[in-house]
Amino acid sequence: MNWIAAIRGEAKASSPFADAVTLNETMLLGMVAMRAGQPIQYDGQTGRVTNIPDANQFLGRQYREGWTL
């Protein structure tokens, strides 16, 4: 409800996008490390895992035909 109220200008968002982006990236990188089976080292500038090259496959998505970008 806070999100809707923030859109309407009735409240300040409790989790602004600027903060949520970092939290989301951290959580998703944790999932990449879990799938890789070991700790990862991530280069935020390049958006790549540097110590386990095979883990980079978990950073993207394979889209179904007709839904590609």
C-alpha atoms as a PDB file:
ATOM      1  CA  MET A   1       0.000   0.000   0.000  1.00  0.00           C
ATOM      2  CA  ASN A   2       2.949   2.292   0.630  1.00  0.00           C
ATOM      3  CA  TRP A   3       3.966   2.007  -3.025  1.00  0.00           C
ATOM      4  CA  ILE A   4       0.498   3.030  -4.226  1.00  0.00           C
ATOM      5  CA  ALA A   5       0.366   5.916  -1.754  1.00  0.00           C
ATOM      6  CA  ALA A   6       3.811   7.072  -2.961  1.00  0.00           C
ATOM      7  CA  ILE A   7       2.644   6.990  -6.581  1.00  0.00           C
ATOM      8  CA  ARG A   8      -0.329   9.150  -5.640  1.00  0.00           C
ATOM      9  CA  GLY A   9       1.982  11.592  -3.838  1.00  0.00           C
ATOM     10  CA  GLU A  10       0.348  10.819  -0.498  1.00  0.00           C
ATOM     11  CA  ALA A  11       3.442   9.324   1.159  1.00  0.00           C
ATOM     12  CA  LYS A  12       7.154   8.881   0.722  1.00  0.00           C
ATOM     13  CA  ALA A  13       8.171   5.449  -0.594  1.00  0.00           C
ATOM     14  CA  SER A  14       9.517   3.277   2.214  1.00  0.00           C
ATOM     15  CA  SER A  15      11.940   1.658  -0.238  1.00  0.00           C
ATOM     16  CA  PRO A  16      12.973   4.155  -2.936  1.00  0.00           C
ATOM     17  CA  PHE A  17      14.146   2.705  -6.238  1.00  0.00           C
ATOM     18  CA  ALA A  18      17.662   4.036  -5.653  1.00  0.00           C
ATOM     19  CA  ASP A  19      17.924   1.838  -2.552  1.00  0.00           C
ATOM     20  CA  ALA A  20      15.935  -1.093  -3.918  1.00  0.00           C
ATOM     21  CA  VAL A  21      18.222  -1.511  -6.935  1.00  0.00           C
ATOM     22  CA  THR A  22      21.240  -2.195  -4.723  1.00  0.00           C
ATOM     23  CA  LEU A  23      19.304  -4.556  -2.464  1.00  0.00           C
ATOM     24  CA  ASN A  24      17.923  -6.459  -5.440  1.00  0.00           C
ATOM     25  CA  GLU A  25      21.349  -6.796  -7.085  1.00  0.00           C
ATOM     26  CA  THR A  26      22.832  -8.109  -3.822  1.00  0.00           C
ATOM     27  CA  MET A  27      20.067 -10.687  -3.431  1.00  0.00           C
ATOM     28  CA  LEU A  28      20.346 -11.859  -7.032  1.00  0.00           C
ATOM     29  CA  LEU A  29      24.133 -12.178  -6.782  1.00  0.00           C
ATOM     30  CA  GLY A  30      23.589 -14.342  -3.713  1.00  0.00           C
ATOM     31  CA  MET A  31      21.433 -16.615  -5.865  1.00  0.00           C
ATOM     32  CA  VAL A  32      24.190 -16.737  -8.508  1.00  0.00           C
ATOM     33  CA  ALA A  33      26.678 -17.791  -5.807  1.00  0.00           C
ATOM     34  CA  MET A  34      24.279 -20.479  -4.593  1.00  0.00           C
ATOM     35  CA  ARG A  35      23.859 -21.833  -8.114  1.00  0.00           C
ATOM     36  CA  ALA A  36      27.636 -21.714  -8.653  1.00  0.00           C
ATOM     37  CA  GLY A  37      28.121 -23.639  -5.410  1.00  0.00           C
ATOM     38  CA  GLN A  38      30.779 -21.307  -4.037  1.00  0.00           C
ATOM     39  CA  PRO A  39      31.483 -17.655  -3.241  1.00  0.00           C
ATOM     40  CA  ILE A  40      31.762 -15.389  -6.250  1.00  0.00           C
ATOM     41  CA  GLN A  41      33.706 -12.228  -6.981  1.00  0.00           C
ATOM     42  CA  TYR A  42      31.610  -9.791  -8.993  1.00  0.00           C
ATOM     43  CA  ASP A  43      32.865  -6.813 -10.988  1.00  0.00           C
ATOM     44  CA  GLY A  44      30.031  -4.309 -10.898  1.00  0.00           C
ATOM     45  CA  GLN A  45      31.588  -2.159 -13.608  1.00  0.00           C
ATOM     46  CA  THR A  46      31.571  -4.941 -16.191  1.00  0.00           C
ATOM     47  CA  GLY A  47      28.664  -6.906 -14.735  1.00  0.00           C
ATOM     48  CA  ARG A  48      30.644 -10.159 -14.747  1.00  0.00           C
ATOM     49  CA  VAL A  49      31.747 -12.787 -12.229  1.00  0.00           C
ATOM     50  CA  THR A  50      35.548 -12.779 -12.276  1.00  0.00           C
ATOM     51  CA  ASN A  51      36.586 -15.866 -10.318  1.00  0.00           C
ATOM     52  CA  ILE A  52      34.191 -18.479 -11.761  1.00  0.00           C
ATOM     53  CA  PRO A  53      33.629 -17.868 -15.483  1.00  0.00           C
ATOM     54  CA  ASP A  54      30.902 -20.531 -15.656  1.00  0.00           C
ATOM     55  CA  ALA A  55      28.812 -18.557 -13.128  1.00  0.00           C
ATOM     56  CA  ASN A  56      28.285 -15.814 -15.718  1.00  0.00           C
ATOM     57  CA  GLN A  57      25.688 -18.029 -17.380  1.00  0.00           C
ATOM     58  CA  PHE A  58      23.414 -17.321 -14.405  1.00  0.00           C
ATOM     59  CA  LEU A  59      23.555 -13.550 -14.959  1.00  0.00           C
ATOM     60  CA  GLY A  60      21.321 -13.580 -18.004  1.00  0.00           C
ATOM     61  CA  ARG A  61      18.209 -15.201 -19.240  1.00  0.00           C
ATOM     62  CA  GLN A  62      17.393 -17.291 -22.262  1.00  0.00           C
ATOM     63  CA  TYR A  63      14.136 -15.992 -23.703  1.00  0.00           C
ATOM     64  CA  ARG A  64      11.562 -18.119 -25.451  1.00  0.00           C
ATOM     65  CA  GLU A  65      11.174 -17.625 -29.175  1.00  0.00           C
ATOM     66  CA  GLY A  66       9.049 -14.576 -29.902  1.00  0.00           C
ATOM     67  CA  TRP A  67      10.006 -12.898 -26.604  1.00  0.00           C
ATOM     68  CA  THR A  68      13.554 -11.825 -27.353  1.00  0.00           C
ATOM     69  CA  LEU A  69      14.921  -8.370 -26.735  1.00  0.00           C
END
